[in-house]
Amino acid sequence: MRNRQPNLLRKTVQIALMTSAILLGLSFRAAHADAVELIKEKPQVTIVSYPDRRQIYGSLSILTGVPWYELAAADQYHRTLQIVKKKTTPEMSGRYSEAEWVGFLNPNPGDTNEVSIALFDGKGRDGSGDGIADRTQDLDVIYAYLQDLLHTTGTKTWKDTLLKHFDPRGVKRIEQFAKIYRTFDTIELNEHAFPLPLRSDYTFHGTWGASRGWGGHRIHEGTDIFAGYGVPARSTCYGIIEVKGWNNYGGWRIGIRDLNNVYHYYAHLSGYAKDLKEGDPVKPGQTIGWVGSSGYGKPGTSGKFPPHLHFGLYRDAGKNEWAFDPYPNLLRWEKEEWQRNRKKP
């Protein structure tokens, strides 16, 4: 008799919680369906198309009033952090562990039912509308992540929400990404270009790690592309001008932040494109300046070495940045641009 009452009480509480979760789930699903009809994805699809991602952002924008490009920017920034953590196979599974997705007390670690997941306070959500909350499906994870972000308690504005989840550096990146998305009005911004016009006279080799003497012993963190004075230097990506001005080492230089949270560094320029300023979005192939030989001294110093473009790449890990060899990317972007040009009528 002493064991029956606690068991009965436990069952009563479980039934009440399950009923509540079902009602909440039905209510939210109805609101979600009224806002926008989402494209249904097959459960086995891991990486969804850009239009499907855009539709998720649009759906949540209608429900919350947050512009789609700001939601897209927050999602993209979080993606870049997962790339750094090397948890991208399947693509989005690194955002949530199995326990986080289904709930830490959930006895079913493979649970894909949104209602039972909610009962155990799991993060899993069905974003595709197929009735399955699958943490290996990009659309479901996007939806779950943004819902988790948007439901942050104790915040009054979207900016407050971001600051509660990210440090000021991360919030700045999200604001940069949002401006890029808003400017070009699409999230399909993965094209690249070679930093110099393909038909110009240039030459480059892998120079990563070579020693440098001016200003103390240091290694070469980039690739030197040799060309004549005045050859246009072009944006390699869709991005935003983050830095512009003089640097004693790099002379007149420009830094562009792309949507993969990679910083593209251009040094030794002879000048900048007219009216280009920090905070301006740019696109692949857009002229941002011209090849020169500036640097290695006070502002205006030039001619201490042959004219060339120093090009570097730096990945942002959220709290720090490190350089990596740009030479393989330059080879790939050069090849891809030649292929695109051949296809043009």
C-alpha atoms as a PDB file:
ATOM      1  CA  MET A   1       0.000   0.000   0.000  1.00  0.00           C
ATOM      2  CA  ARG A   2       2.850   2.412   0.734  1.00  0.00           C
ATOM      3  CA  ASN A   3       4.121   2.101  -2.869  1.00  0.00           C
ATOM      4  CA  ARG A   4       0.793   2.432  -4.717  1.00  0.00           C
ATOM      5  CA  GLN A   5       0.075   6.085  -3.835  1.00  0.00           C
ATOM      6  CA  PRO A   6       3.410   7.458  -5.072  1.00  0.00           C
ATOM      7  CA  ASN A   7       3.056   5.391  -8.266  1.00  0.00           C
ATOM      8  CA  LEU A   8      -0.463   6.715  -8.814  1.00  0.00           C
ATOM      9  CA  LEU A   9       0.700  10.286  -8.178  1.00  0.00           C
ATOM     10  CA  ARG A  10       3.600   9.858 -10.590  1.00  0.00           C
ATOM     11  CA  LYS A  11       1.290   8.545 -13.334  1.00  0.00           C
ATOM     12  CA  THR A  12      -1.158  11.402 -12.766  1.00  0.00           C
ATOM     13  CA  VAL A  13       1.632  13.984 -13.136  1.00  0.00           C
ATOM     14  CA  GLN A  14       2.954  12.280 -16.288  1.00  0.00           C
ATOM     15  CA  ILE A  15      -0.507  12.266 -17.890  1.00  0.00           C
ATOM     16  CA  ALA A  16      -1.001  15.939 -17.034  1.00  0.00           C
ATOM     17  CA  LEU A  17       2.374  16.889 -18.493  1.00  0.00           C
ATOM     18  CA  MET A  18       1.772  14.889 -21.662  1.00  0.00           C
ATOM     19  CA  THR A  19      -1.667  16.480 -22.154  1.00  0.00           C
ATOM     20  CA  SER A  20      -0.204  19.942 -21.686  1.00  0.00           C
ATOM     21  CA  ALA A  21       2.614  19.229 -24.143  1.00  0.00           C
ATOM     22  CA  ILE A  22       0.159  17.937 -26.747  1.00  0.00           C
ATOM     23  CA  LEU A  23      -2.038  21.042 -26.432  1.00  0.00           C
ATOM     24  CA  LEU A  24       0.961  23.349 -26.685  1.00  0.00           C
ATOM     25  CA  GLY A  25       2.300  21.424 -29.657  1.00  0.00           C
ATOM     26  CA  LEU A  26      -1.037  21.566 -31.502  1.00  0.00           C
ATOM     27  CA  SER A  27      -1.414  25.282 -30.769  1.00  0.00           C
ATOM     28  CA  PHE A  28       2.053  26.152 -32.025  1.00  0.00           C
ATOM     29  CA  ARG A  29       1.742  23.921 -35.103  1.00  0.00           C
ATOM     30  CA  ALA A  30      -1.523  25.683 -36.062  1.00  0.00           C
ATOM     31  CA  ALA A  31       0.083  29.132 -35.746  1.00  0.00           C
ATOM     32  CA  HIS A  32       3.075  27.967 -37.732  1.00  0.00           C
ATOM     33  CA  ALA A  33       0.897  26.580 -40.529  1.00  0.00           C
ATOM     34  CA  ASP A  34      -1.171  29.781 -40.716  1.00  0.00           C
ATOM     35  CA  ALA A  35       1.928  31.952 -41.069  1.00  0.00           C
ATOM     36  CA  VAL A  36       3.315  30.216 -44.142  1.00  0.00           C
ATOM     37  CA  GLU A  37       3.094  26.816 -45.826  1.00  0.00           C
ATOM     38  CA  LEU A  38       6.564  25.327 -45.587  1.00  0.00           C
ATOM     39  CA  ILE A  39       8.068  23.176 -48.308  1.00  0.00           C
ATOM     40  CA  LYS A  40       7.984  19.553 -47.215  1.00  0.00           C
ATOM     41  CA  GLU A  41      11.333  17.782 -47.332  1.00  0.00           C
ATOM     42  CA  LYS A  42      11.998  14.071 -47.462  1.00  0.00           C
ATOM     43  CA  PRO A  43      13.479  12.863 -44.158  1.00  0.00           C
ATOM     44  CA  GLN A  44      16.614  11.474 -45.805  1.00  0.00           C
ATOM     45  CA  VAL A  45      17.659  14.844 -47.254  1.00  0.00           C
ATOM     46  CA  THR A  46      20.477  16.301 -45.166  1.00  0.00           C
ATOM     47  CA  ILE A  47      21.348  19.570 -46.896  1.00  0.00           C
ATOM     48  CA  VAL A  48      18.380  21.631 -48.077  1.00  0.00           C
ATOM     49  CA  SER A  49      18.254  24.169 -50.874  1.00  0.00           C
ATOM     50  CA  TYR A  50      18.701  27.893 -50.446  1.00  0.00           C
ATOM     51  CA  PRO A  51      15.004  28.611 -51.239  1.00  0.00           C
ATOM     52  CA  ASP A  52      13.922  26.242 -48.454  1.00  0.00           C
ATOM     53  CA  ARG A  53      16.217  27.943 -45.955  1.00  0.00           C
ATOM     54  CA  ARG A  54      14.956  31.345 -47.066  1.00  0.00           C
ATOM     55  CA  GLN A  55      11.378  30.153 -46.556  1.00  0.00           C
ATOM     56  CA  ILE A  56      12.131  29.115 -42.969  1.00  0.00           C
ATOM     57  CA  TYR A  57      13.563  32.583 -42.287  1.00  0.00           C
ATOM     58  CA  GLY A  58      10.514  34.175 -43.878  1.00  0.00           C
ATOM     59  CA  SER A  59       8.119  32.031 -41.843  1.00  0.00           C
ATOM     60  CA  LEU A  60       9.770  32.937 -38.551  1.00  0.00           C
ATOM     61  CA  SER A  61       9.981  36.586 -39.592  1.00  0.00           C
ATOM     62  CA  ILE A  62       6.205  36.671 -40.025  1.00  0.00           C
ATOM     63  CA  LEU A  63       5.704  35.071 -36.612  1.00  0.00           C
ATOM     64  CA  THR A  64       8.204  37.256 -34.729  1.00  0.00           C
ATOM     65  CA  GLY A  65       8.603  40.515 -36.623  1.00  0.00           C
ATOM     66  CA  VAL A  66      12.389  40.059 -36.840  1.00  0.00           C
ATOM     67  CA  PRO A  67      13.567  40.722 -40.453  1.00  0.00           C
ATOM     68  CA  TRP A  68      14.417  37.574 -42.388  1.00  0.00           C
ATOM     69  CA  TYR A  69      17.943  38.749 -43.116  1.00  0.00           C
ATOM     70  CA  GLU A  70      18.698  39.145 -39.402  1.00  0.00           C
ATOM     71  CA  LEU A  71      17.452  35.630 -38.679  1.00  0.00           C
ATOM     72  CA  ALA A  72      19.511  34.344 -41.607  1.00  0.00           C
ATOM     73  CA  ALA A  73      22.574  36.172 -40.280  1.00  0.00           C
ATOM     74  CA  ALA A  74      22.227  34.680 -36.782  1.00  0.00           C
ATOM     75  CA  ASP A  75      21.823  31.212 -38.267  1.00  0.00           C
ATOM     76  CA  GLN A  76      24.794  31.664 -40.599  1.00  0.00           C
ATOM     77  CA  TYR A  77      27.065  32.930 -37.832  1.00  0.00           C
ATOM     78  CA  HIS A  78      26.222  29.884 -35.725  1.00  0.00           C
ATOM     79  CA  ARG A  79      26.995  27.691 -38.736  1.00  0.00           C
ATOM     80  CA  THR A  80      30.472  29.220 -38.963  1.00  0.00           C
ATOM     81  CA  LEU A  81      31.144  28.319 -35.338  1.00  0.00           C
ATOM     82  CA  GLN A  82      30.269  24.699 -36.097  1.00  0.00           C
ATOM     83  CA  ILE A  83      32.694  24.697 -39.043  1.00  0.00           C
ATOM     84  CA  VAL A  84      35.448  25.763 -36.669  1.00  0.00           C
ATOM     85  CA  LYS A  85      34.507  22.944 -34.304  1.00  0.00           C
ATOM     86  CA  LYS A  86      34.706  20.501 -37.215  1.00  0.00           C
ATOM     87  CA  LYS A  87      31.277  19.077 -36.481  1.00  0.00           C
ATOM     88  CA  THR A  88      29.773  19.211 -39.934  1.00  0.00           C
ATOM     89  CA  THR A  89      29.118  15.548 -40.861  1.00  0.00           C
ATOM     90  CA  PRO A  90      26.197  15.311 -41.220  1.00  0.00           C
ATOM     91  CA  GLU A  91      26.216  19.027 -41.860  1.00  0.00           C
ATOM     92  CA  MET A  92      24.240  20.419 -38.947  1.00  0.00           C
ATOM     93  CA  SER A  93      24.450  17.657 -36.315  1.00  0.00           C
ATOM     94  CA  GLY A  94      27.059  19.619 -34.381  1.00  0.00           C
ATOM     95  CA  ARG A  95      24.565  22.214 -33.180  1.00  0.00           C
ATOM     96  CA  TYR A  96      22.882  19.852 -30.739  1.00  0.00           C
ATOM     97  CA  SER A  97      24.007  16.686 -29.059  1.00  0.00           C
ATOM     98  CA  GLU A  98      21.631  13.749 -29.115  1.00  0.00           C
ATOM     99  CA  ALA A  99      20.657  14.415 -25.494  1.00  0.00           C
ATOM    100  CA  GLU A 100      20.048  18.129 -26.106  1.00  0.00           C
ATOM    101  CA  TRP A 101      17.866  17.356 -29.105  1.00  0.00           C
ATOM    102  CA  VAL A 102      15.543  14.816 -27.444  1.00  0.00           C
ATOM    103  CA  GLY A 103      15.867  15.996 -23.805  1.00  0.00           C
ATOM    104  CA  PHE A 104      18.333  14.801 -21.207  1.00  0.00           C
ATOM    105  CA  LEU A 105      15.778  12.647 -19.360  1.00  0.00           C
ATOM    106  CA  ASN A 106      14.179  11.241 -22.504  1.00  0.00           C
ATOM    107  CA  PRO A 107      14.437   7.407 -22.407  1.00  0.00           C
ATOM    108  CA  ASN A 108      14.372   7.352 -26.239  1.00  0.00           C
ATOM    109  CA  PRO A 109      17.660   8.819 -27.548  1.00  0.00           C
ATOM    110  CA  GLY A 110      16.409   8.555 -31.132  1.00  0.00           C
ATOM    111  CA  ASP A 111      13.121  10.338 -30.492  1.00  0.00           C
ATOM    112  CA  THR A 112      11.832  12.336 -33.499  1.00  0.00           C
ATOM    113  CA  ASN A 113       8.367  13.176 -32.129  1.00  0.00           C
ATOM    114  CA  GLU A 114       8.129  16.912 -31.495  1.00  0.00           C
ATOM    115  CA  VAL A 115       5.499  16.524 -28.742  1.00  0.00           C
ATOM    116  CA  SER A 116       7.392  13.943 -26.674  1.00  0.00           C
ATOM    117  CA  ILE A 117      10.647  15.851 -27.220  1.00  0.00           C
ATOM    118  CA  ALA A 118       8.969  18.969 -25.827  1.00  0.00           C
ATOM    119  CA  LEU A 119       7.743  16.955 -22.845  1.00  0.00           C
ATOM    120  CA  PHE A 120      11.350  16.284 -21.886  1.00  0.00           C
ATOM    121  CA  ASP A 121      12.429  19.871 -22.636  1.00  0.00           C
ATOM    122  CA  GLY A 122      14.415  18.859 -25.723  1.00  0.00           C
ATOM    123  CA  LYS A 123      15.444  21.315 -28.428  1.00  0.00           C
ATOM    124  CA  GLY A 124      14.258  19.217 -31.387  1.00  0.00           C
ATOM    125  CA  ARG A 125      11.685  20.730 -33.746  1.00  0.00           C
ATOM    126  CA  ASP A 126      10.122  19.817 -37.081  1.00  0.00           C
ATOM    127  CA  GLY A 127      10.984  22.602 -39.516  1.00  0.00           C
ATOM    128  CA  SER A 128      10.168  20.827 -42.781  1.00  0.00           C
ATOM    129  CA  GLY A 129       6.566  19.975 -41.925  1.00  0.00           C
ATOM    130  CA  ASP A 130       7.026  16.224 -42.446  1.00  0.00           C
ATOM    131  CA  GLY A 131       6.151  15.358 -38.839  1.00  0.00           C
ATOM    132  CA  ILE A 132       9.706  14.310 -37.974  1.00  0.00           C
ATOM    133  CA  ALA A 133      12.131  16.287 -35.794  1.00  0.00           C
ATOM    134  CA  ASP A 134      15.457  15.018 -37.125  1.00  0.00           C
ATOM    135  CA  ARG A 135      18.701  16.576 -35.879  1.00  0.00           C
ATOM    136  CA  THR A 136      20.543  15.415 -39.000  1.00  0.00           C
ATOM    137  CA  GLN A 137      18.230  17.437 -41.257  1.00  0.00           C
ATOM    138  CA  ASP A 138      19.322  20.993 -41.968  1.00  0.00           C
ATOM    139  CA  LEU A 139      15.802  22.441 -42.145  1.00  0.00           C
ATOM    140  CA  ASP A 140      14.791  20.959 -38.783  1.00  0.00           C
ATOM    141  CA  VAL A 141      17.969  22.177 -37.096  1.00  0.00           C
ATOM    142  CA  ILE A 142      17.642  25.707 -38.521  1.00  0.00           C
ATOM    143  CA  TYR A 143      14.092  25.899 -37.225  1.00  0.00           C
ATOM    144  CA  ALA A 144      14.981  24.459 -33.816  1.00  0.00           C
ATOM    145  CA  TYR A 145      17.980  26.741 -33.410  1.00  0.00           C
ATOM    146  CA  LEU A 146      16.126  29.933 -34.307  1.00  0.00           C
ATOM    147  CA  GLN A 147      13.142  28.989 -32.138  1.00  0.00           C
ATOM    148  CA  ASP A 148      15.535  28.411 -29.257  1.00  0.00           C
ATOM    149  CA  LEU A 149      17.154  31.772 -29.923  1.00  0.00           C
ATOM    150  CA  LEU A 150      13.886  33.671 -30.308  1.00  0.00           C
ATOM    151  CA  HIS A 151      12.400  32.256 -27.115  1.00  0.00           C
ATOM    152  CA  THR A 152      15.190  33.615 -24.918  1.00  0.00           C
ATOM    153  CA  THR A 153      13.613  34.845 -21.695  1.00  0.00           C
ATOM    154  CA  GLY A 154      14.345  38.187 -20.106  1.00  0.00           C
ATOM    155  CA  THR A 155      15.003  40.057 -23.362  1.00  0.00           C
ATOM    156  CA  LYS A 156      12.979  42.915 -24.828  1.00  0.00           C
ATOM    157  CA  THR A 157      14.594  43.341 -28.233  1.00  0.00           C
ATOM    158  CA  TRP A 158      16.303  41.221 -30.861  1.00  0.00           C
ATOM    159  CA  LYS A 159      19.603  42.931 -29.987  1.00  0.00           C
ATOM    160  CA  ASP A 160      19.145  41.937 -26.328  1.00  0.00           C
ATOM    161  CA  THR A 161      18.524  38.365 -27.446  1.00  0.00           C
ATOM    162  CA  LEU A 162      21.739  38.285 -29.464  1.00  0.00           C
ATOM    163  CA  LEU A 163      23.780  39.792 -26.637  1.00  0.00           C
ATOM    164  CA  LYS A 164      22.470  37.114 -24.284  1.00  0.00           C
ATOM    165  CA  HIS A 165      23.701  34.367 -26.637  1.00  0.00           C
ATOM    166  CA  PHE A 166      26.840  35.936 -28.129  1.00  0.00           C
ATOM    167  CA  ASP A 167      29.609  38.264 -27.059  1.00  0.00           C
ATOM    168  CA  PRO A 168      29.840  41.723 -28.720  1.00  0.00           C
ATOM    169  CA  ARG A 169      32.205  40.313 -31.336  1.00  0.00           C
ATOM    170  CA  GLY A 170      29.633  37.725 -32.366  1.00  0.00           C
ATOM    171  CA  VAL A 171      26.842  40.312 -32.460  1.00  0.00           C
ATOM    172  CA  LYS A 172      28.992  42.477 -34.741  1.00  0.00           C
ATOM    173  CA  ARG A 173      29.461  39.554 -37.123  1.00  0.00           C
ATOM    174  CA  ILE A 174      25.705  38.918 -37.209  1.00  0.00           C
ATOM    175  CA  GLU A 175      25.051  42.588 -37.977  1.00  0.00           C
ATOM    176  CA  GLN A 176      27.624  42.433 -40.799  1.00  0.00           C
ATOM    177  CA  PHE A 177      26.054  39.290 -42.253  1.00  0.00           C
ATOM    178  CA  ALA A 178      22.573  40.832 -42.033  1.00  0.00           C
ATOM    179  CA  LYS A 179      23.715  43.873 -44.010  1.00  0.00           C
ATOM    180  CA  ILE A 180      25.142  41.633 -46.748  1.00  0.00           C
ATOM    181  CA  TYR A 181      21.926  39.593 -46.981  1.00  0.00           C
ATOM    182  CA  ARG A 182      19.768  42.715 -46.977  1.00  0.00           C
ATOM    183  CA  THR A 183      21.876  44.364 -49.708  1.00  0.00           C
ATOM    184  CA  PHE A 184      21.802  41.452 -52.129  1.00  0.00           C
ATOM    185  CA  ASP A 185      18.341  40.179 -51.060  1.00  0.00           C
ATOM    186  CA  THR A 186      19.336  36.519 -51.216  1.00  0.00           C
ATOM    187  CA  ILE A 187      21.181  33.942 -49.116  1.00  0.00           C
ATOM    188  CA  GLU A 188      22.721  32.232 -52.145  1.00  0.00           C
ATOM    189  CA  LEU A 189      25.995  34.150 -52.005  1.00  0.00           C
ATOM    190  CA  ASN A 190      28.690  31.480 -52.332  1.00  0.00           C
ATOM    191  CA  GLU A 191      30.411  32.569 -55.575  1.00  0.00           C
ATOM    192  CA  HIS A 192      34.059  33.667 -55.541  1.00  0.00           C
ATOM    193  CA  ALA A 193      36.376  35.497 -57.911  1.00  0.00           C
ATOM    194  CA  PHE A 194      40.135  35.680 -58.357  1.00  0.00           C
ATOM    195  CA  PRO A 195      41.513  38.884 -56.763  1.00  0.00           C
ATOM    196  CA  LEU A 196      42.960  40.190 -60.075  1.00  0.00           C
ATOM    197  CA  PRO A 197      41.314  40.244 -63.525  1.00  0.00           C
ATOM    198  CA  LEU A 198      42.029  36.918 -65.202  1.00  0.00           C
ATOM    199  CA  ARG A 199      43.220  38.513 -68.427  1.00  0.00           C
ATOM    200  CA  SER A 200      45.710  40.777 -66.658  1.00  0.00           C
ATOM    201  CA  ASP A 201      49.414  39.959 -66.529  1.00  0.00           C
ATOM    202  CA  TYR A 202      50.080  38.351 -63.135  1.00  0.00           C
ATOM    203  CA  THR A 203      51.952  35.493 -61.555  1.00  0.00           C
ATOM    204  CA  PHE A 204      51.765  33.813 -58.145  1.00  0.00           C
ATOM    205  CA  HIS A 205      53.166  30.834 -56.273  1.00  0.00           C
ATOM    206  CA  GLY A 206      52.671  29.308 -52.843  1.00  0.00           C
ATOM    207  CA  THR A 207      54.702  31.567 -50.519  1.00  0.00           C
ATOM    208  CA  TRP A 208      53.089  30.592 -47.225  1.00  0.00           C
ATOM    209  CA  GLY A 209      55.524  30.443 -44.315  1.00  0.00           C
ATOM    210  CA  ALA A 210      58.441  32.184 -46.041  1.00  0.00           C
ATOM    211  CA  SER A 211      60.512  34.381 -43.720  1.00  0.00           C
ATOM    212  CA  ARG A 212      60.113  38.148 -43.607  1.00  0.00           C
ATOM    213  CA  GLY A 213      62.734  40.492 -42.208  1.00  0.00           C
ATOM    214  CA  TRP A 214      61.275  44.006 -42.083  1.00  0.00           C
ATOM    215  CA  GLY A 215      59.862  44.836 -38.660  1.00  0.00           C
ATOM    216  CA  GLY A 216      61.425  41.805 -36.984  1.00  0.00           C
ATOM    217  CA  HIS A 217      61.496  38.113 -37.789  1.00  0.00           C
ATOM    218  CA  ARG A 218      58.086  36.807 -38.901  1.00  0.00           C
ATOM    219  CA  ILE A 219      56.626  34.399 -41.422  1.00  0.00           C
ATOM    220  CA  HIS A 220      54.680  35.222 -44.564  1.00  0.00           C
ATOM    221  CA  GLU A 221      50.967  34.720 -43.853  1.00  0.00           C
ATOM    222  CA  GLY A 222      49.588  34.871 -47.353  1.00  0.00           C
ATOM    223  CA  THR A 223      50.261  34.673 -51.087  1.00  0.00           C
ATOM    224  CA  ASP A 224      51.994  37.352 -53.155  1.00  0.00           C
ATOM    225  CA  ILE A 225      50.418  37.935 -56.579  1.00  0.00           C
ATOM    226  CA  PHE A 226      52.862  39.909 -58.702  1.00  0.00           C
ATOM    227  CA  ALA A 227      51.442  42.322 -61.266  1.00  0.00           C
ATOM    228  CA  GLY A 228      52.075  45.814 -62.602  1.00  0.00           C
ATOM    229  CA  TYR A 229      51.148  49.061 -60.911  1.00  0.00           C
ATOM    230  CA  GLY A 230      47.492  49.923 -61.338  1.00  0.00           C
ATOM    231  CA  VAL A 231      46.118  46.450 -62.051  1.00  0.00           C
ATOM    232  CA  PRO A 232      42.671  46.311 -60.384  1.00  0.00           C
ATOM    233  CA  ALA A 233      42.374  44.433 -57.097  1.00  0.00           C
ATOM    234  CA  ARG A 234      38.948  42.817 -56.828  1.00  0.00           C
ATOM    235  CA  SER A 235      36.753  41.420 -54.106  1.00  0.00           C
ATOM    236  CA  THR A 236      37.006  37.649 -53.999  1.00  0.00           C
ATOM    237  CA  CYS A 237      33.643  37.197 -52.277  1.00  0.00           C
ATOM    238  CA  TYR A 238      30.329  38.569 -51.132  1.00  0.00           C
ATOM    239  CA  GLY A 239      31.301  40.390 -47.989  1.00  0.00           C
ATOM    240  CA  ILE A 240      31.628  43.676 -46.171  1.00  0.00           C
ATOM    241  CA  ILE A 241      34.523  46.117 -45.905  1.00  0.00           C
ATOM    242  CA  GLU A 242      35.696  45.727 -42.326  1.00  0.00           C
ATOM    243  CA  VAL A 243      39.014  47.600 -42.407  1.00  0.00           C
ATOM    244  CA  LYS A 244      40.427  50.241 -44.741  1.00  0.00           C
ATOM    245  CA  GLY A 245      43.514  52.404 -44.281  1.00  0.00           C
ATOM    246  CA  TRP A 246      47.233  52.418 -43.647  1.00  0.00           C
ATOM    247  CA  ASN A 247      49.216  49.692 -41.941  1.00  0.00           C
ATOM    248  CA  ASN A 248      52.995  50.024 -41.565  1.00  0.00           C
ATOM    249  CA  TYR A 249      53.515  46.474 -42.797  1.00  0.00           C
ATOM    250  CA  GLY A 250      50.798  46.233 -45.435  1.00  0.00           C
ATOM    251  CA  GLY A 251      50.681  49.848 -46.581  1.00  0.00           C
ATOM    252  CA  TRP A 252      47.308  50.833 -48.013  1.00  0.00           C
ATOM    253  CA  ARG A 253      45.208  47.806 -47.233  1.00  0.00           C
ATOM    254  CA  ILE A 254      41.618  46.597 -47.171  1.00  0.00           C
ATOM    255  CA  GLY A 255      40.003  43.775 -45.177  1.00  0.00           C
ATOM    256  CA  ILE A 256      36.755  42.094 -46.252  1.00  0.00           C
ATOM    257  CA  ARG A 257      34.674  39.843 -43.982  1.00  0.00           C
ATOM    258  CA  ASP A 258      32.775  37.114 -45.842  1.00  0.00           C
ATOM    259  CA  LEU A 259      29.734  35.066 -44.852  1.00  0.00           C
ATOM    260  CA  ASN A 260      31.888  32.137 -43.732  1.00  0.00           C
ATOM    261  CA  ASN A 261      33.433  34.453 -41.130  1.00  0.00           C
ATOM    262  CA  VAL A 262      36.710  34.538 -43.046  1.00  0.00           C
ATOM    263  CA  TYR A 263      38.680  37.781 -43.313  1.00  0.00           C
ATOM    264  CA  HIS A 264      40.146  38.515 -46.773  1.00  0.00           C
ATOM    265  CA  TYR A 265      43.221  40.744 -46.467  1.00  0.00           C
ATOM    266  CA  TYR A 266      44.594  42.878 -49.344  1.00  0.00           C
ATOM    267  CA  ALA A 267      47.896  44.709 -48.793  1.00  0.00           C
ATOM    268  CA  HIS A 268      50.370  47.018 -50.623  1.00  0.00           C
ATOM    269  CA  LEU A 269      47.668  48.768 -52.685  1.00  0.00           C
ATOM    270  CA  SER A 270      48.404  51.971 -54.570  1.00  0.00           C
ATOM    271  CA  GLY A 271      44.905  53.331 -53.966  1.00  0.00           C
ATOM    272  CA  TYR A 272      41.238  52.545 -53.331  1.00  0.00           C
ATOM    273  CA  ALA A 273      38.117  52.506 -55.463  1.00  0.00           C
ATOM    274  CA  LYS A 274      36.256  55.812 -55.259  1.00  0.00           C
ATOM    275  CA  ASP A 275      33.711  56.202 -52.431  1.00  0.00           C
ATOM    276  CA  LEU A 276      34.509  52.764 -50.962  1.00  0.00           C
ATOM    277  CA  LYS A 277      34.302  52.909 -47.166  1.00  0.00           C
ATOM    278  CA  GLU A 278      34.190  50.669 -44.125  1.00  0.00           C
ATOM    279  CA  GLY A 279      30.808  48.987 -43.765  1.00  0.00           C
ATOM    280  CA  ASP A 280      30.110  48.810 -47.511  1.00  0.00           C
ATOM    281  CA  PRO A 281      28.965  45.425 -48.892  1.00  0.00           C
ATOM    282  CA  VAL A 282      30.905  44.145 -51.916  1.00  0.00           C
ATOM    283  CA  LYS A 283      30.488  41.332 -54.424  1.00  0.00           C
ATOM    284  CA  PRO A 284      32.890  39.013 -56.278  1.00  0.00           C
ATOM    285  CA  GLY A 285      34.824  40.752 -59.034  1.00  0.00           C
ATOM    286  CA  GLN A 286      34.086  44.264 -57.766  1.00  0.00           C
ATOM    287  CA  THR A 287      37.116  46.584 -57.974  1.00  0.00           C
ATOM    288  CA  ILE A 288      38.207  47.700 -54.505  1.00  0.00           C
ATOM    289  CA  GLY A 289      41.643  49.152 -55.281  1.00  0.00           C
ATOM    290  CA  TRP A 290      44.798  48.811 -57.388  1.00  0.00           C
ATOM    291  CA  VAL A 291      48.072  46.913 -57.133  1.00  0.00           C
ATOM    292  CA  GLY A 292      50.997  48.905 -55.747  1.00  0.00           C
ATOM    293  CA  SER A 293      54.061  48.659 -53.533  1.00  0.00           C
ATOM    294  CA  SER A 294      53.012  50.605 -50.449  1.00  0.00           C
ATOM    295  CA  GLY A 295      54.141  49.699 -46.949  1.00  0.00           C
ATOM    296  CA  TYR A 296      57.176  48.981 -44.784  1.00  0.00           C
ATOM    297  CA  GLY A 297      57.180  52.427 -43.231  1.00  0.00           C
ATOM    298  CA  LYS A 298      55.154  55.476 -42.253  1.00  0.00           C
ATOM    299  CA  PRO A 299      52.008  56.455 -44.224  1.00  0.00           C
ATOM    300  CA  GLY A 300      52.841  57.050 -47.872  1.00  0.00           C
ATOM    301  CA  THR A 301      55.943  54.838 -47.987  1.00  0.00           C
ATOM    302  CA  SER A 302      56.179  53.037 -51.334  1.00  0.00           C
ATOM    303  CA  GLY A 303      58.654  51.357 -53.674  1.00  0.00           C
ATOM    304  CA  LYS A 304      60.618  49.214 -51.221  1.00  0.00           C
ATOM    305  CA  PHE A 305      59.702  46.069 -53.203  1.00  0.00           C
ATOM    306  CA  PRO A 306      58.242  45.190 -56.623  1.00  0.00           C
ATOM    307  CA  PRO A 307      54.516  45.897 -57.079  1.00  0.00           C
ATOM    308  CA  HIS A 308      52.286  43.041 -56.011  1.00  0.00           C
ATOM    309  CA  LEU A 309      49.139  42.202 -54.100  1.00  0.00           C
ATOM    310  CA  HIS A 310      49.620  40.429 -50.797  1.00  0.00           C
ATOM    311  CA  PHE A 311      46.477  38.356 -50.224  1.00  0.00           C
ATOM    312  CA  GLY A 312      45.738  36.640 -46.910  1.00  0.00           C
ATOM    313  CA  LEU A 313      42.903  34.665 -45.322  1.00  0.00           C
ATOM    314  CA  TYR A 314      42.066  34.576 -41.600  1.00  0.00           C
ATOM    315  CA  ARG A 315      39.386  32.438 -39.967  1.00  0.00           C
ATOM    316  CA  ASP A 316      37.417  33.781 -37.015  1.00  0.00           C
ATOM    317  CA  ALA A 317      36.826  31.154 -34.320  1.00  0.00           C
ATOM    318  CA  GLY A 318      34.545  33.381 -32.250  1.00  0.00           C
ATOM    319  CA  LYS A 319      37.155  34.567 -29.750  1.00  0.00           C
ATOM    320  CA  ASN A 320      40.309  34.648 -31.872  1.00  0.00           C
ATOM    321  CA  GLU A 321      41.517  34.544 -35.469  1.00  0.00           C
ATOM    322  CA  TRP A 322      44.259  32.640 -37.228  1.00  0.00           C
ATOM    323  CA  ALA A 323      45.767  32.793 -40.704  1.00  0.00           C
ATOM    324  CA  PHE A 324      45.665  29.877 -43.128  1.00  0.00           C
ATOM    325  CA  ASP A 325      47.261  29.354 -46.516  1.00  0.00           C
ATOM    326  CA  PRO A 326      45.164  31.069 -49.232  1.00  0.00           C
ATOM    327  CA  TYR A 327      47.033  29.487 -52.148  1.00  0.00           C
ATOM    328  CA  PRO A 328      44.674  26.474 -52.623  1.00  0.00           C
ATOM    329  CA  ASN A 329      41.657  28.806 -52.579  1.00  0.00           C
ATOM    330  CA  LEU A 330      43.264  31.144 -55.111  1.00  0.00           C
ATOM    331  CA  LEU A 331      43.877  28.245 -57.474  1.00  0.00           C
ATOM    332  CA  ARG A 332      40.286  27.066 -57.101  1.00  0.00           C
ATOM    333  CA  TRP A 333      38.742  30.543 -57.528  1.00  0.00           C
ATOM    334  CA  GLU A 334      40.878  31.186 -60.610  1.00  0.00           C
ATOM    335  CA  LYS A 335      39.716  27.894 -62.156  1.00  0.00           C
ATOM    336  CA  GLU A 336      36.052  28.457 -61.258  1.00  0.00           C
ATOM    337  CA  GLU A 337      36.042  31.952 -62.765  1.00  0.00           C
ATOM    338  CA  TRP A 338      37.600  30.719 -66.008  1.00  0.00           C
ATOM    339  CA  GLN A 339      34.899  28.043 -66.196  1.00  0.00           C
ATOM    340  CA  ARG A 340      32.118  30.587 -65.622  1.00  0.00           C
ATOM    341  CA  ASN A 341      33.540  32.855 -68.313  1.00  0.00           C
ATOM    342  CA  ARG A 342      33.573  30.000 -70.837  1.00  0.00           C
ATOM    343  CA  LYS A 343      29.869  29.416 -70.245  1.00  0.00           C
ATOM    344  CA  LYS A 344      28.940  33.037 -70.966  1.00  0.00           C
ATOM    345  CA  PRO A 345      27.505  33.665 -74.463  1.00  0.00           C
END
